[in-house]
Amino acid sequence: MPNVNIQMLGRMLIEKRGERGIREVAAEIGVSPATLSRVERAYLPDLETFSKICQWLGINPSDVLGVGVKTPQIPKVAVHFKKEAALAPATAQALAQMVLAAHRAWLVTDGEGS
């Protein structure tokens, strides 16, 4: 159910609630009737309420938020290393110098609140 927005979430609540009273359904979800009413009118709930509503509706919260689980990308450097069984000494030395330089830079910036 991709691309669900907050307005659609409200309509889904109303549809699933059907003829049942708002107090009854709110108690079932674990939220106040006023909160459920606001969400049905497309007001954005807090995270806890949002989670409870998504669970009650049987939808994935990431579908509403527009985020998905992304497949981790393999860094290009990792792909490069998979191509060769061993590094050339010059490449290994250059990489070691880069790692040490990055570490030194991190140490310097770490004290500045980073």
N, C-alpha and C. Protein backbone atom coordinates (compact mmCIF):
# COMPACT_ATOMS: atom_id res chain seq x y z
N MET A 1 0.84 -1.18 0.00
CA MET A 1 0.00 0.00 0.00
C MET A 1 0.88 1.25 0.00
N PRO A 2 1.63 1.49 -1.04
CA PRO A 2 2.52 2.64 -1.09
C PRO A 2 1.77 3.95 -1.26
N ASN A 3 2.42 5.04 -0.90
CA ASN A 3 1.91 6.39 -1.08
C ASN A 3 0.60 6.67 -0.36
N VAL A 4 0.49 6.23 0.88
CA VAL A 4 -0.64 6.59 1.72
C VAL A 4 -0.26 7.89 2.41
N ASN A 5 -1.15 8.88 2.35
CA ASN A 5 -0.85 10.12 3.06
C ASN A 5 -1.79 10.27 4.26
N ILE A 6 -1.64 11.34 5.01
CA ILE A 6 -2.41 11.51 6.24
C ILE A 6 -3.91 11.62 5.96
N GLN A 7 -4.29 12.22 4.82
CA GLN A 7 -5.71 12.30 4.47
C GLN A 7 -6.27 10.91 4.20
N MET A 8 -5.50 10.10 3.48
CA MET A 8 -5.93 8.74 3.19
C MET A 8 -6.01 7.93 4.48
N LEU A 9 -5.09 8.19 5.41
CA LEU A 9 -5.11 7.48 6.69
C LEU A 9 -6.43 7.76 7.41
N GLY A 10 -6.84 9.02 7.40
CA GLY A 10 -8.12 9.39 8.01
C GLY A 10 -9.29 8.69 7.36
N ARG A 11 -9.29 8.64 6.04
CA ARG A 11 -10.38 7.96 5.31
C ARG A 11 -10.38 6.47 5.60
N MET A 12 -9.17 5.90 5.71
CA MET A 12 -9.08 4.47 6.01
C MET A 12 -9.65 4.18 7.41
N LEU A 13 -9.38 5.07 8.34
CA LEU A 13 -9.93 4.91 9.69
C LEU A 13 -11.45 4.94 9.66
N ILE A 14 -12.00 5.93 8.97
CA ILE A 14 -13.46 6.07 8.88
C ILE A 14 -14.06 4.84 8.22
N GLU A 15 -13.43 4.38 7.16
CA GLU A 15 -13.95 3.21 6.43
C GLU A 15 -13.92 1.96 7.29
N LYS A 16 -12.80 1.72 7.97
CA LYS A 16 -12.71 0.51 8.79
C LYS A 16 -13.62 0.60 10.02
N ARG A 17 -13.76 1.81 10.56
CA ARG A 17 -14.62 1.99 11.74
C ARG A 17 -16.07 1.70 11.37
N GLY A 18 -16.46 2.07 10.15
CA GLY A 18 -17.81 1.81 9.67
C GLY A 18 -18.87 2.44 10.55
N GLU A 19 -19.81 1.65 10.99
CA GLU A 19 -20.92 2.13 11.82
C GLU A 19 -20.60 2.14 13.31
N ARG A 20 -19.45 1.62 13.64
CA ARG A 20 -19.06 1.57 15.06
C ARG A 20 -18.80 2.98 15.57
N GLY A 21 -19.07 3.19 16.84
CA GLY A 21 -18.87 4.50 17.44
C GLY A 21 -17.39 4.84 17.60
N ILE A 22 -17.12 6.12 17.60
CA ILE A 22 -15.74 6.58 17.71
C ILE A 22 -15.13 6.21 19.06
N ARG A 23 -15.95 6.24 20.12
CA ARG A 23 -15.44 5.88 21.46
C ARG A 23 -15.04 4.41 21.52
N GLU A 24 -15.85 3.56 20.94
CA GLU A 24 -15.57 2.12 20.94
C GLU A 24 -14.27 1.82 20.20
N VAL A 25 -14.11 2.39 19.02
CA VAL A 25 -12.92 2.13 18.21
C VAL A 25 -11.69 2.77 18.85
N ALA A 26 -11.84 3.97 19.40
CA ALA A 26 -10.72 4.63 20.06
C ALA A 26 -10.21 3.77 21.21
N ALA A 27 -11.13 3.20 21.99
CA ALA A 27 -10.74 2.33 23.10
C ALA A 27 -10.03 1.08 22.57
N GLU A 28 -10.51 0.55 21.47
CA GLU A 28 -9.89 -0.64 20.86
C GLU A 28 -8.47 -0.34 20.39
N ILE A 29 -8.27 0.84 19.80
CA ILE A 29 -6.94 1.23 19.31
C ILE A 29 -6.03 1.61 20.47
N GLY A 30 -6.61 2.21 21.52
CA GLY A 30 -5.82 2.66 22.66
C GLY A 30 -5.50 4.14 22.61
N VAL A 31 -6.40 4.90 21.98
CA VAL A 31 -6.25 6.36 21.92
C VAL A 31 -7.55 7.01 22.40
N SER A 32 -7.50 8.31 22.62
CA SER A 32 -8.72 9.00 23.06
C SER A 32 -9.65 9.21 21.87
N PRO A 33 -10.96 9.31 22.14
CA PRO A 33 -11.90 9.58 21.04
C PRO A 33 -11.59 10.90 20.33
N ALA A 34 -11.17 11.92 21.09
CA ALA A 34 -10.85 13.21 20.48
C ALA A 34 -9.67 13.07 19.53
N THR A 35 -8.67 12.31 19.93
CA THR A 35 -7.50 12.09 19.07
C THR A 35 -7.90 11.35 17.81
N LEU A 36 -8.69 10.31 17.95
CA LEU A 36 -9.13 9.54 16.79
C LEU A 36 -9.92 10.43 15.84
N SER A 37 -10.77 11.27 16.38
CA SER A 37 -11.56 12.19 15.56
C SER A 37 -10.65 13.14 14.78
N ARG A 38 -9.63 13.65 15.45
CA ARG A 38 -8.70 14.57 14.77
C ARG A 38 -7.97 13.85 13.63
N VAL A 39 -7.52 12.64 13.87
CA VAL A 39 -6.81 11.90 12.83
C VAL A 39 -7.74 11.60 11.66
N GLU A 40 -8.99 11.29 11.95
CA GLU A 40 -9.96 11.06 10.88
C GLU A 40 -10.15 12.31 10.03
N ARG A 41 -9.92 13.48 10.63
CA ARG A 41 -10.04 14.75 9.90
C ARG A 41 -8.69 15.21 9.34
N ALA A 42 -7.73 14.28 9.27
CA ALA A 42 -6.42 14.49 8.64
C ALA A 42 -5.46 15.33 9.46
N TYR A 43 -5.63 15.36 10.78
CA TYR A 43 -4.63 15.99 11.63
C TYR A 43 -3.55 14.97 11.93
N LEU A 44 -2.32 15.43 11.96
CA LEU A 44 -1.18 14.55 12.17
C LEU A 44 -1.08 14.16 13.65
N PRO A 45 -1.10 12.86 13.96
CA PRO A 45 -1.00 12.43 15.36
C PRO A 45 0.46 12.38 15.82
N ASP A 46 0.65 12.21 17.13
CA ASP A 46 2.00 11.99 17.64
C ASP A 46 2.45 10.58 17.22
N LEU A 47 3.71 10.30 17.42
CA LEU A 47 4.27 9.03 16.93
C LEU A 47 3.62 7.80 17.58
N GLU A 48 3.37 7.87 18.87
CA GLU A 48 2.76 6.72 19.55
C GLU A 48 1.37 6.44 19.00
N THR A 49 0.56 7.48 18.85
CA THR A 49 -0.78 7.33 18.30
C THR A 49 -0.72 6.84 16.86
N PHE A 50 0.19 7.42 16.09
CA PHE A 50 0.37 7.02 14.70
C PHE A 50 0.68 5.53 14.60
N SER A 51 1.56 5.06 15.46
CA SER A 51 1.93 3.65 15.48
C SER A 51 0.74 2.76 15.80
N LYS A 52 -0.03 3.15 16.81
CA LYS A 52 -1.22 2.37 17.20
C LYS A 52 -2.24 2.31 16.08
N ILE A 53 -2.44 3.44 15.41
CA ILE A 53 -3.42 3.49 14.33
C ILE A 53 -2.97 2.63 13.15
N CYS A 54 -1.70 2.74 12.79
CA CYS A 54 -1.19 1.91 11.69
C CYS A 54 -1.33 0.43 12.01
N GLN A 55 -1.04 0.08 13.25
CA GLN A 55 -1.17 -1.33 13.65
C GLN A 55 -2.62 -1.77 13.55
N TRP A 56 -3.55 -0.94 14.01
CA TRP A 56 -4.97 -1.28 13.97
C TRP A 56 -5.45 -1.41 12.52
N LEU A 57 -4.93 -0.54 11.65
CA LEU A 57 -5.32 -0.61 10.24
C LEU A 57 -4.59 -1.71 9.48
N GLY A 58 -3.52 -2.22 10.07
CA GLY A 58 -2.74 -3.26 9.41
C GLY A 58 -1.90 -2.73 8.27
N ILE A 59 -1.40 -1.50 8.43
CA ILE A 59 -0.55 -0.92 7.39
C ILE A 59 0.83 -0.62 7.95
N ASN A 60 1.80 -0.53 7.07
CA ASN A 60 3.17 -0.24 7.46
C ASN A 60 3.32 1.28 7.59
N PRO A 61 3.78 1.77 8.75
CA PRO A 61 3.94 3.22 8.92
C PRO A 61 4.82 3.86 7.85
N SER A 62 5.79 3.13 7.34
CA SER A 62 6.67 3.71 6.33
C SER A 62 5.92 4.03 5.03
N ASP A 63 4.80 3.33 4.78
CA ASP A 63 4.00 3.64 3.60
C ASP A 63 3.36 5.02 3.72
N VAL A 64 2.98 5.41 4.93
CA VAL A 64 2.36 6.71 5.16
C VAL A 64 3.43 7.80 5.16
N LEU A 65 4.56 7.49 5.75
CA LEU A 65 5.63 8.48 5.87
C LEU A 65 6.41 8.65 4.57
N GLY A 66 6.21 7.75 3.64
CA GLY A 66 6.89 7.86 2.36
C GLY A 66 8.33 7.42 2.39
N VAL A 67 8.66 6.59 3.36
CA VAL A 67 10.01 6.06 3.44
C VAL A 67 9.93 4.55 3.30
N GLY A 68 10.97 3.99 2.79
CA GLY A 68 10.99 2.55 2.64
C GLY A 68 12.32 2.00 3.08
N VAL A 69 12.33 0.74 3.25
CA VAL A 69 13.59 0.09 3.58
C VAL A 69 14.41 0.03 2.31
N LYS A 70 15.54 0.64 2.35
CA LYS A 70 16.38 0.67 1.17
C LYS A 70 17.42 -0.43 1.26
N THR A 71 17.70 -0.99 0.11
CA THR A 71 18.75 -2.00 0.04
C THR A 71 20.08 -1.29 0.19
N PRO A 72 20.90 -1.75 1.14
CA PRO A 72 22.18 -1.07 1.32
C PRO A 72 23.03 -1.16 0.06
N GLN A 73 23.64 -0.05 -0.27
CA GLN A 73 24.51 0.00 -1.44
C GLN A 73 25.92 -0.43 -1.03
N ILE A 74 26.55 -1.22 -1.87
CA ILE A 74 27.94 -1.60 -1.63
C ILE A 74 28.80 -0.46 -2.12
N PRO A 75 29.63 0.09 -1.25
CA PRO A 75 30.49 1.18 -1.70
C PRO A 75 31.36 0.73 -2.87
N LYS A 76 31.61 1.66 -3.78
CA LYS A 76 32.41 1.33 -4.96
C LYS A 76 33.78 0.81 -4.58
N VAL A 77 34.33 1.34 -3.48
CA VAL A 77 35.65 0.87 -3.08
C VAL A 77 35.60 -0.62 -2.69
N ALA A 78 34.50 -1.05 -2.09
CA ALA A 78 34.37 -2.46 -1.73
C ALA A 78 34.31 -3.33 -2.98
N VAL A 79 33.63 -2.84 -3.99
CA VAL A 79 33.56 -3.58 -5.24
C VAL A 79 34.94 -3.68 -5.86
N HIS A 80 35.70 -2.60 -5.78
CA HIS A 80 37.06 -2.60 -6.31
C HIS A 80 37.91 -3.67 -5.63
N PHE A 81 37.80 -3.77 -4.31
CA PHE A 81 38.61 -4.74 -3.59
C PHE A 81 38.20 -6.17 -3.90
N LYS A 82 36.95 -6.39 -4.28
CA LYS A 82 36.52 -7.74 -4.61
C LYS A 82 37.11 -8.21 -5.94
N LYS A 83 37.52 -7.26 -6.77
CA LYS A 83 38.03 -7.62 -8.08
C LYS A 83 39.42 -8.23 -8.02
N GLU A 84 40.24 -7.82 -7.06
CA GLU A 84 41.61 -8.30 -6.99
C GLU A 84 41.84 -9.04 -5.69
N ALA A 85 42.65 -10.08 -5.76
CA ALA A 85 42.93 -10.87 -4.57
C ALA A 85 43.83 -10.12 -3.59
N ALA A 86 44.73 -9.28 -4.10
CA ALA A 86 45.67 -8.57 -3.24
C ALA A 86 45.87 -7.16 -3.75
N LEU A 87 46.16 -6.26 -2.83
CA LEU A 87 46.44 -4.87 -3.21
C LEU A 87 47.91 -4.72 -3.57
N ALA A 88 48.13 -3.82 -4.47
CA ALA A 88 49.52 -3.46 -4.76
C ALA A 88 50.06 -2.73 -3.54
N PRO A 89 51.33 -2.88 -3.21
CA PRO A 89 51.88 -2.20 -2.03
C PRO A 89 51.64 -0.69 -2.03
N ALA A 90 51.74 -0.07 -3.17
CA ALA A 90 51.53 1.38 -3.25
C ALA A 90 50.07 1.73 -2.91
N THR A 91 49.14 0.92 -3.37
CA THR A 91 47.72 1.15 -3.07
C THR A 91 47.46 0.96 -1.59
N ALA A 92 48.01 -0.07 -1.00
CA ALA A 92 47.85 -0.32 0.43
C ALA A 92 48.42 0.84 1.25
N GLN A 93 49.57 1.34 0.85
CA GLN A 93 50.19 2.47 1.56
C GLN A 93 49.33 3.72 1.43
N ALA A 94 48.81 3.99 0.24
CA ALA A 94 47.95 5.16 0.02
C ALA A 94 46.68 5.06 0.87
N LEU A 95 46.09 3.89 0.91
CA LEU A 95 44.89 3.69 1.73
C LEU A 95 45.19 3.89 3.22
N ALA A 96 46.31 3.37 3.67
CA ALA A 96 46.69 3.53 5.07
C ALA A 96 46.85 5.01 5.41
N GLN A 97 47.47 5.77 4.51
CA GLN A 97 47.65 7.21 4.74
C GLN A 97 46.30 7.93 4.77
N MET A 98 45.37 7.53 3.92
CA MET A 98 44.03 8.14 3.92
C MET A 98 43.30 7.86 5.22
N VAL A 99 43.38 6.62 5.70
CA VAL A 99 42.72 6.26 6.95
C VAL A 99 43.31 7.05 8.10
N LEU A 100 44.62 7.16 8.15
CA LEU A 100 45.27 7.93 9.23
C LEU A 100 44.91 9.40 9.15
N ALA A 101 44.85 9.96 7.95
CA ALA A 101 44.48 11.37 7.78
C ALA A 101 43.03 11.60 8.20
N ALA A 102 42.17 10.69 7.84
CA ALA A 102 40.76 10.80 8.23
C ALA A 102 40.63 10.71 9.75
N HIS A 103 41.39 9.83 10.37
CA HIS A 103 41.34 9.69 11.82
C HIS A 103 41.83 10.96 12.50
N ARG A 104 42.92 11.53 12.00
CA ARG A 104 43.43 12.78 12.57
C ARG A 104 42.40 13.90 12.43
N ALA A 105 41.76 13.99 11.27
CA ALA A 105 40.74 15.02 11.05
C ALA A 105 39.57 14.83 11.99
N TRP A 106 39.18 13.60 12.22
CA TRP A 106 38.08 13.30 13.13
C TRP A 106 38.44 13.72 14.55
N LEU A 107 39.68 13.45 14.96
CA LEU A 107 40.12 13.83 16.30
C LEU A 107 40.09 15.33 16.49
N VAL A 108 40.47 16.07 15.47
CA VAL A 108 40.48 17.53 15.55
C VAL A 108 39.05 18.07 15.62
N THR A 109 38.15 17.56 14.80
CA THR A 109 36.78 18.08 14.77
C THR A 109 35.93 17.53 15.90
N ASP A 110 36.32 16.42 16.50
CA ASP A 110 35.52 15.81 17.58
C ASP A 110 35.40 16.76 18.76
N GLY A 111 36.43 17.52 19.07
CA GLY A 111 36.39 18.46 20.18
C GLY A 111 35.56 19.69 19.91
N GLU A 112 35.08 19.87 18.67
CA GLU A 112 34.32 21.05 18.32
C GLU A 112 32.81 20.79 18.33
N GLY A 113 32.38 19.69 18.96
CA GLY A 113 30.97 19.40 19.08
C GLY A 113 30.38 18.60 17.95
N SER A 114 31.20 18.01 17.12
CA SER A 114 30.70 17.19 16.01
C SER A 114 30.31 15.83 16.49
